[in-house]
């Protein structure tokens, strides 16, 4: 993406629109996979520490846990390029705003990125001001 120097709002790339569409979908894979991995581990721990051989049955949940984690990894690999383009777009929006442009209303995923970017820039500005003293 090229830098905007006239304060105009950059056009939203298709990848950013796609990121907004899928950003909040499917996040349960990570949590579900983690939960399904903890349960068998606790079951095996209980079975090995005492007279609870039924705890070994928890190992039956290991394959679904691995499957869910595989889905989460696959989703993350698909989302990473979209996420990077969304971050670039938010940086361009922030640059345009600093040059006087009025930015449009942002979707929740982009708004979160925008607030993080603004906070980061404020922090870097304060840090640079302290260094100059």
N, C-alpha and C. Protein backbone atom coordinates (compact mmCIF):
# COMPACT_ATOMS: atom_id res chain seq x y z
N UNK A 1 0.84 -1.17 0.00
CA UNK A 1 0.00 0.00 0.00
C UNK A 1 0.88 1.24 0.00
N UNK A 2 0.47 2.26 -0.68
CA UNK A 2 1.26 3.48 -0.73
C UNK A 2 0.87 4.39 0.42
N UNK A 3 1.79 5.26 0.79
CA UNK A 3 1.54 6.20 1.87
C UNK A 3 0.60 7.30 1.38
N UNK A 4 -0.30 7.72 2.23
CA UNK A 4 -1.21 8.81 1.91
C UNK A 4 -0.58 10.09 2.44
N UNK A 5 -0.44 11.12 1.58
CA UNK A 5 0.20 12.34 2.05
C UNK A 5 -0.74 13.54 2.00
N UNK A 6 -1.94 13.41 1.44
CA UNK A 6 -2.83 14.55 1.31
C UNK A 6 -3.96 14.56 2.35
N UNK A 7 -3.94 13.67 3.32
CA UNK A 7 -4.95 13.64 4.36
C UNK A 7 -6.24 12.98 3.93
N UNK A 8 -6.27 12.35 2.76
CA UNK A 8 -7.50 11.69 2.31
C UNK A 8 -7.59 10.29 2.92
N UNK A 9 -8.80 9.79 2.98
CA UNK A 9 -9.02 8.46 3.53
C UNK A 9 -8.65 7.43 2.48
N UNK A 10 -7.82 6.46 2.85
CA UNK A 10 -7.46 5.41 1.87
C UNK A 10 -8.66 4.49 1.61
N UNK A 11 -8.77 3.96 0.40
CA UNK A 11 -9.86 3.01 0.13
C UNK A 11 -9.64 1.72 0.90
N UNK A 12 -10.74 1.08 1.28
CA UNK A 12 -10.65 -0.16 2.05
C UNK A 12 -10.40 -1.33 1.08
N UNK A 13 -9.28 -2.04 1.26
CA UNK A 13 -9.01 -3.20 0.40
C UNK A 13 -10.01 -4.33 0.66
N UNK A 14 -10.17 -5.20 -0.32
CA UNK A 14 -11.07 -6.34 -0.18
C UNK A 14 -10.63 -7.26 0.97
N UNK A 15 -9.32 -7.38 1.16
CA UNK A 15 -8.82 -8.25 2.23
C UNK A 15 -9.27 -7.74 3.60
N UNK A 16 -9.36 -6.43 3.75
CA UNK A 16 -9.81 -5.87 5.03
C UNK A 16 -11.29 -6.16 5.24
N UNK A 17 -12.08 -6.05 4.17
CA UNK A 17 -13.50 -6.38 4.26
C UNK A 17 -13.68 -7.85 4.62
N UNK A 18 -12.87 -8.71 4.02
CA UNK A 18 -12.93 -10.14 4.34
C UNK A 18 -12.52 -10.38 5.79
N UNK A 19 -11.50 -9.68 6.26
CA UNK A 19 -11.07 -9.82 7.66
C UNK A 19 -12.21 -9.41 8.60
N UNK A 20 -12.88 -8.32 8.30
CA UNK A 20 -14.00 -7.87 9.14
C UNK A 20 -15.10 -8.94 9.18
N UNK A 21 -15.32 -9.61 8.06
CA UNK A 21 -16.38 -10.61 7.98
C UNK A 21 -16.06 -11.84 8.83
N UNK A 22 -14.81 -12.27 8.85
CA UNK A 22 -14.46 -13.53 9.51
C UNK A 22 -13.72 -13.36 10.84
N UNK A 23 -13.46 -12.14 11.25
CA UNK A 23 -12.62 -11.91 12.43
C UNK A 23 -13.19 -12.53 13.71
N UNK A 24 -14.48 -12.47 13.90
CA UNK A 24 -15.06 -12.94 15.15
C UNK A 24 -15.68 -14.33 15.05
N UNK A 25 -15.45 -15.00 13.93
CA UNK A 25 -16.04 -16.32 13.74
C UNK A 25 -15.02 -17.41 14.01
N UNK A 26 -15.42 -18.47 14.68
CA UNK A 26 -14.57 -19.64 14.85
C UNK A 26 -13.52 -19.54 15.94
N UNK A 27 -13.56 -18.53 16.77
CA UNK A 27 -12.54 -18.39 17.80
C UNK A 27 -12.66 -19.46 18.89
N UNK A 28 -13.75 -20.17 18.92
CA UNK A 28 -13.95 -21.19 19.96
C UNK A 28 -13.05 -22.39 19.74
N UNK A 29 -12.45 -22.54 18.56
CA UNK A 29 -11.58 -23.69 18.31
C UNK A 29 -10.45 -23.77 19.33
N UNK A 30 -9.81 -22.63 19.58
CA UNK A 30 -8.70 -22.62 20.53
C UNK A 30 -9.15 -23.01 21.93
N UNK A 31 -10.22 -22.38 22.39
CA UNK A 31 -10.70 -22.68 23.74
C UNK A 31 -11.19 -24.12 23.85
N UNK A 32 -11.91 -24.56 22.83
CA UNK A 32 -12.41 -25.94 22.85
C UNK A 32 -11.28 -26.95 22.83
N UNK A 33 -10.28 -26.72 22.01
CA UNK A 33 -9.13 -27.62 21.94
C UNK A 33 -8.36 -27.66 23.24
N UNK A 34 -8.22 -26.50 23.86
CA UNK A 34 -7.50 -26.44 25.14
C UNK A 34 -8.28 -27.19 26.22
N UNK A 35 -9.58 -26.98 26.26
CA UNK A 35 -10.40 -27.68 27.25
C UNK A 35 -10.37 -29.19 27.03
N UNK A 36 -10.48 -29.59 25.78
CA UNK A 36 -10.45 -31.02 25.48
C UNK A 36 -9.07 -31.63 25.72
N UNK A 37 -8.03 -30.84 25.77
CA UNK A 37 -6.70 -31.36 26.09
C UNK A 37 -6.49 -31.45 27.60
N UNK A 38 -7.07 -30.53 28.34
CA UNK A 38 -6.91 -30.52 29.80
C UNK A 38 -7.67 -31.68 30.44
N UNK A 39 -8.88 -31.94 29.95
CA UNK A 39 -9.70 -33.01 30.54
C UNK A 39 -9.01 -34.37 30.47
N UNK A 40 -8.47 -34.80 29.32
CA UNK A 40 -7.77 -36.10 29.31
C UNK A 40 -6.54 -36.10 30.21
N UNK A 41 -5.84 -34.99 30.24
CA UNK A 41 -4.64 -34.92 31.09
C UNK A 41 -5.02 -35.09 32.56
N UNK A 42 -6.08 -34.44 32.99
CA UNK A 42 -6.52 -34.59 34.37
C UNK A 42 -7.01 -36.01 34.64
N UNK A 43 -7.70 -36.59 33.66
CA UNK A 43 -8.18 -37.97 33.83
C UNK A 43 -7.03 -38.94 33.98
N UNK A 44 -6.00 -38.81 33.14
CA UNK A 44 -4.84 -39.71 33.22
C UNK A 44 -4.10 -39.47 34.54
N UNK A 45 -4.00 -38.21 34.95
CA UNK A 45 -3.34 -37.91 36.22
C UNK A 45 -4.09 -38.57 37.38
N UNK A 46 -5.41 -38.46 37.37
CA UNK A 46 -6.21 -39.08 38.43
C UNK A 46 -6.08 -40.60 38.39
N UNK A 47 -6.05 -41.18 37.19
CA UNK A 47 -5.94 -42.64 37.06
C UNK A 47 -4.58 -43.12 37.53
N UNK A 48 -3.54 -42.37 37.24
CA UNK A 48 -2.20 -42.82 37.60
C UNK A 48 -1.89 -42.60 39.09
N UNK A 49 -2.60 -41.70 39.73
CA UNK A 49 -2.34 -41.39 41.14
C UNK A 49 -3.17 -42.21 42.11
N UNK A 50 -4.16 -42.88 41.63
CA UNK A 50 -5.02 -43.61 42.58
C UNK A 50 -5.74 -44.76 41.92
N UNK A 51 -6.82 -45.11 42.54
CA UNK A 51 -7.62 -46.23 42.06
C UNK A 51 -8.77 -45.74 41.19
N UNK A 52 -8.45 -44.95 40.17
CA UNK A 52 -9.47 -44.43 39.27
C UNK A 52 -9.13 -44.82 37.82
N UNK A 53 -9.17 -46.10 37.50
CA UNK A 53 -8.81 -46.50 36.13
C UNK A 53 -9.74 -45.92 35.08
N UNK A 54 -10.92 -45.48 35.50
CA UNK A 54 -11.84 -44.87 34.54
C UNK A 54 -11.25 -43.57 33.99
N UNK A 55 -10.30 -42.99 34.67
CA UNK A 55 -9.66 -41.75 34.21
C UNK A 55 -8.96 -41.92 32.87
N UNK A 56 -8.50 -43.15 32.60
CA UNK A 56 -7.86 -43.39 31.31
C UNK A 56 -8.85 -43.24 30.14
N UNK A 57 -10.13 -43.30 30.43
CA UNK A 57 -11.14 -43.11 29.39
C UNK A 57 -11.09 -41.67 28.85
N UNK A 58 -10.54 -40.78 29.64
CA UNK A 58 -10.38 -39.40 29.18
C UNK A 58 -9.50 -39.28 27.96
N UNK A 59 -8.66 -40.28 27.74
CA UNK A 59 -7.80 -40.26 26.55
C UNK A 59 -8.62 -40.29 25.26
N UNK A 60 -9.86 -40.72 25.36
CA UNK A 60 -10.73 -40.72 24.17
C UNK A 60 -10.98 -39.30 23.66
N UNK A 61 -10.79 -38.31 24.53
CA UNK A 61 -10.98 -36.92 24.12
C UNK A 61 -9.75 -36.31 23.45
N UNK A 62 -8.63 -37.02 23.46
CA UNK A 62 -7.42 -36.49 22.86
C UNK A 62 -7.54 -36.28 21.34
N UNK A 63 -8.08 -37.24 20.57
CA UNK A 63 -8.21 -36.99 19.12
C UNK A 63 -9.09 -35.78 18.77
N UNK A 64 -10.26 -35.60 19.42
CA UNK A 64 -11.02 -34.38 19.11
C UNK A 64 -10.26 -33.10 19.47
N UNK A 65 -9.47 -33.15 20.54
CA UNK A 65 -8.68 -31.97 20.92
C UNK A 65 -7.66 -31.65 19.84
N UNK A 66 -6.97 -32.66 19.36
CA UNK A 66 -5.99 -32.43 18.28
C UNK A 66 -6.68 -31.94 17.02
N UNK A 67 -7.84 -32.47 16.72
CA UNK A 67 -8.58 -32.03 15.54
C UNK A 67 -8.97 -30.56 15.65
N UNK A 68 -9.48 -30.16 16.83
CA UNK A 68 -9.85 -28.75 17.02
C UNK A 68 -8.65 -27.84 16.94
N UNK A 69 -7.54 -28.24 17.52
CA UNK A 69 -6.33 -27.42 17.42
C UNK A 69 -5.86 -27.32 15.97
N UNK A 70 -6.00 -28.41 15.23
CA UNK A 70 -5.66 -28.36 13.81
C UNK A 70 -6.53 -27.35 13.07
N UNK A 71 -7.83 -27.32 13.39
CA UNK A 71 -8.71 -26.32 12.78
C UNK A 71 -8.29 -24.91 13.16
N UNK A 72 -7.92 -24.71 14.41
CA UNK A 72 -7.51 -23.38 14.87
C UNK A 72 -6.23 -22.93 14.15
N UNK A 73 -5.29 -23.83 13.99
CA UNK A 73 -4.04 -23.49 13.30
C UNK A 73 -4.32 -23.17 11.83
N UNK A 74 -5.16 -23.97 11.21
CA UNK A 74 -5.52 -23.73 9.81
C UNK A 74 -6.21 -22.39 9.64
N UNK A 75 -7.11 -22.07 10.56
CA UNK A 75 -7.81 -20.78 10.51
C UNK A 75 -6.82 -19.63 10.70
N UNK A 76 -5.90 -19.76 11.63
CA UNK A 76 -4.93 -18.70 11.89
C UNK A 76 -4.05 -18.46 10.67
N UNK A 77 -3.64 -19.53 10.01
CA UNK A 77 -2.80 -19.37 8.81
C UNK A 77 -3.55 -18.65 7.70
N UNK A 78 -4.84 -18.89 7.60
CA UNK A 78 -5.65 -18.19 6.60
C UNK A 78 -5.88 -16.73 6.99
N UNK A 79 -6.00 -16.48 8.29
CA UNK A 79 -6.31 -15.13 8.77
C UNK A 79 -5.09 -14.21 8.80
N UNK A 80 -3.89 -14.76 8.92
CA UNK A 80 -2.71 -13.93 9.11
C UNK A 80 -2.49 -12.89 8.01
N UNK A 81 -2.57 -13.25 6.71
CA UNK A 81 -2.42 -12.21 5.68
C UNK A 81 -3.52 -11.15 5.75
N UNK A 82 -4.74 -11.58 6.05
CA UNK A 82 -5.84 -10.62 6.18
C UNK A 82 -5.62 -9.70 7.37
N UNK A 83 -5.13 -10.25 8.47
CA UNK A 83 -4.84 -9.46 9.65
C UNK A 83 -3.76 -8.43 9.37
N UNK A 84 -2.71 -8.83 8.67
CA UNK A 84 -1.64 -7.89 8.34
C UNK A 84 -2.13 -6.76 7.45
N UNK A 85 -2.97 -7.08 6.47
CA UNK A 85 -3.51 -6.03 5.61
C UNK A 85 -4.45 -5.11 6.38
N UNK A 86 -5.21 -5.66 7.32
CA UNK A 86 -6.09 -4.84 8.15
C UNK A 86 -5.26 -3.90 9.02
N UNK A 87 -4.16 -4.38 9.57
CA UNK A 87 -3.28 -3.51 10.38
C UNK A 87 -2.69 -2.39 9.53
N UNK A 88 -2.27 -2.72 8.31
CA UNK A 88 -1.74 -1.70 7.41
C UNK A 88 -2.80 -0.65 7.10
N UNK A 89 -4.02 -1.09 6.86
CA UNK A 89 -5.12 -0.17 6.58
C UNK A 89 -5.39 0.74 7.78
N UNK A 90 -5.38 0.17 8.97
CA UNK A 90 -5.62 0.97 10.17
C UNK A 90 -4.50 1.98 10.36
N UNK A 91 -3.26 1.60 10.07
CA UNK A 91 -2.15 2.56 10.15
C UNK A 91 -2.35 3.71 9.17
N UNK A 92 -2.79 3.38 7.96
CA UNK A 92 -3.05 4.42 6.97
C UNK A 92 -4.19 5.34 7.43
N UNK A 93 -5.23 4.75 8.03
CA UNK A 93 -6.32 5.57 8.56
C UNK A 93 -5.83 6.50 9.66
N UNK A 94 -4.98 5.99 10.53
CA UNK A 94 -4.45 6.80 11.62
C UNK A 94 -3.58 7.92 11.07
N UNK A 95 -2.76 7.62 10.06
CA UNK A 95 -1.96 8.66 9.41
C UNK A 95 -2.85 9.73 8.80
N UNK A 96 -3.91 9.29 8.12
CA UNK A 96 -4.83 10.24 7.49
C UNK A 96 -5.51 11.11 8.54
N UNK A 97 -5.88 10.52 9.66
CA UNK A 97 -6.53 11.30 10.71
C UNK A 97 -5.56 12.34 11.28
N UNK A 98 -4.32 11.95 11.45
CA UNK A 98 -3.32 12.89 11.97
C UNK A 98 -3.08 14.05 11.01
N UNK A 99 -3.38 13.83 9.73
CA UNK A 99 -3.23 14.88 8.72
C UNK A 99 -4.51 15.67 8.53
N UNK A 100 -5.54 15.39 9.35
CA UNK A 100 -6.75 16.19 9.33
C UNK A 100 -7.96 15.55 8.72
N UNK A 101 -7.88 14.35 8.23
CA UNK A 101 -9.04 13.69 7.63
C UNK A 101 -9.95 13.16 8.72
N UNK A 102 -11.21 13.06 8.41
CA UNK A 102 -12.19 12.47 9.32
C UNK A 102 -12.39 11.04 8.87
N UNK A 103 -12.12 10.11 9.78
CA UNK A 103 -12.21 8.70 9.41
C UNK A 103 -13.64 8.21 9.58
N UNK A 104 -14.05 7.21 8.78
CA UNK A 104 -15.41 6.67 8.91
C UNK A 104 -15.55 5.81 10.16
N UNK A 105 -16.78 5.47 10.48
CA UNK A 105 -17.06 4.56 11.61
C UNK A 105 -16.45 3.20 11.27
N UNK A 106 -15.75 2.63 12.23
CA UNK A 106 -15.05 1.36 12.01
C UNK A 106 -15.83 0.20 12.63
N UNK A 107 -15.64 -0.97 12.04
CA UNK A 107 -16.24 -2.19 12.59
C UNK A 107 -15.52 -2.53 13.90
N UNK A 108 -16.11 -3.36 14.76
CA UNK A 108 -15.47 -3.69 16.03
C UNK A 108 -14.04 -4.23 15.91
N UNK A 109 -13.74 -5.15 14.97
CA UNK A 109 -12.35 -5.61 14.89
C UNK A 109 -11.38 -4.49 14.49
N UNK A 110 -11.79 -3.65 13.55
CA UNK A 110 -10.92 -2.55 13.13
C UNK A 110 -10.84 -1.47 14.21
N UNK A 111 -11.93 -1.25 14.92
CA UNK A 111 -11.93 -0.25 15.99
C UNK A 111 -10.93 -0.64 17.08
N UNK A 112 -10.90 -1.92 17.40
CA UNK A 112 -9.94 -2.41 18.39
C UNK A 112 -8.51 -2.16 17.93
N UNK A 113 -8.24 -2.47 16.66
CA UNK A 113 -6.90 -2.22 16.12
C UNK A 113 -6.57 -0.74 16.11
N UNK A 114 -7.56 0.06 15.75
CA UNK A 114 -7.37 1.51 15.69
C UNK A 114 -7.03 2.08 17.07
N UNK A 115 -7.76 1.65 18.09
CA UNK A 115 -7.48 2.13 19.45
C UNK A 115 -6.10 1.69 19.91
N UNK A 116 -5.69 0.48 19.56
CA UNK A 116 -4.35 0.00 19.90
C UNK A 116 -3.29 0.83 19.20
N UNK A 117 -3.51 1.13 17.93
CA UNK A 117 -2.55 1.93 17.17
C UNK A 117 -2.43 3.34 17.76
N UNK A 118 -3.56 3.96 18.09
CA UNK A 118 -3.53 5.31 18.68
C UNK A 118 -2.80 5.28 20.02
N UNK A 119 -3.08 4.28 20.83
CA UNK A 119 -2.42 4.16 22.13
C UNK A 119 -0.91 3.97 21.96
N UNK A 120 -0.53 3.15 21.01
CA UNK A 120 0.89 2.92 20.75
C UNK A 120 1.58 4.20 20.31
N UNK A 121 0.94 4.97 19.45
CA UNK A 121 1.53 6.22 18.98
C UNK A 121 1.64 7.24 20.11
N UNK A 122 0.63 7.31 20.98
CA UNK A 122 0.71 8.22 22.13
C UNK A 122 1.87 7.83 23.04
N UNK A 123 2.01 6.53 23.27
CA UNK A 123 3.10 6.04 24.12
C UNK A 123 4.46 6.40 23.51
N UNK A 124 4.62 6.17 22.21
CA UNK A 124 5.89 6.48 21.56
C UNK A 124 6.17 7.98 21.58
N UNK A 125 5.13 8.80 21.45
CA UNK A 125 5.31 10.25 21.49
C UNK A 125 5.75 10.69 22.89
N UNK A 126 5.13 10.13 23.93
CA UNK A 126 5.55 10.47 25.31
C UNK A 126 6.98 10.02 25.57
N UNK A 127 7.32 8.84 25.08
CA UNK A 127 8.67 8.31 25.26
C UNK A 127 9.69 9.20 24.57
N UNK A 128 9.38 9.65 23.36
CA UNK A 128 10.30 10.54 22.64
C UNK A 128 10.41 11.88 23.34
N UNK A 129 9.31 12.38 23.89
CA UNK A 129 9.35 13.67 24.60
C UNK A 129 10.20 13.55 25.86
N UNK A 130 10.10 12.45 26.57
CA UNK A 130 10.93 12.26 27.77
C UNK A 130 12.41 12.16 27.42
N UNK A 131 12.69 11.55 26.29
CA UNK A 131 14.08 11.39 25.86
C UNK A 131 14.71 12.74 25.52
N UNK A 132 13.90 13.66 24.97
CA UNK A 132 14.41 14.97 24.59
C UNK A 132 14.73 15.85 25.79
N UNK A 133 14.16 15.55 26.93
CA UNK A 133 14.39 16.37 28.12
C UNK A 133 15.77 16.21 28.65
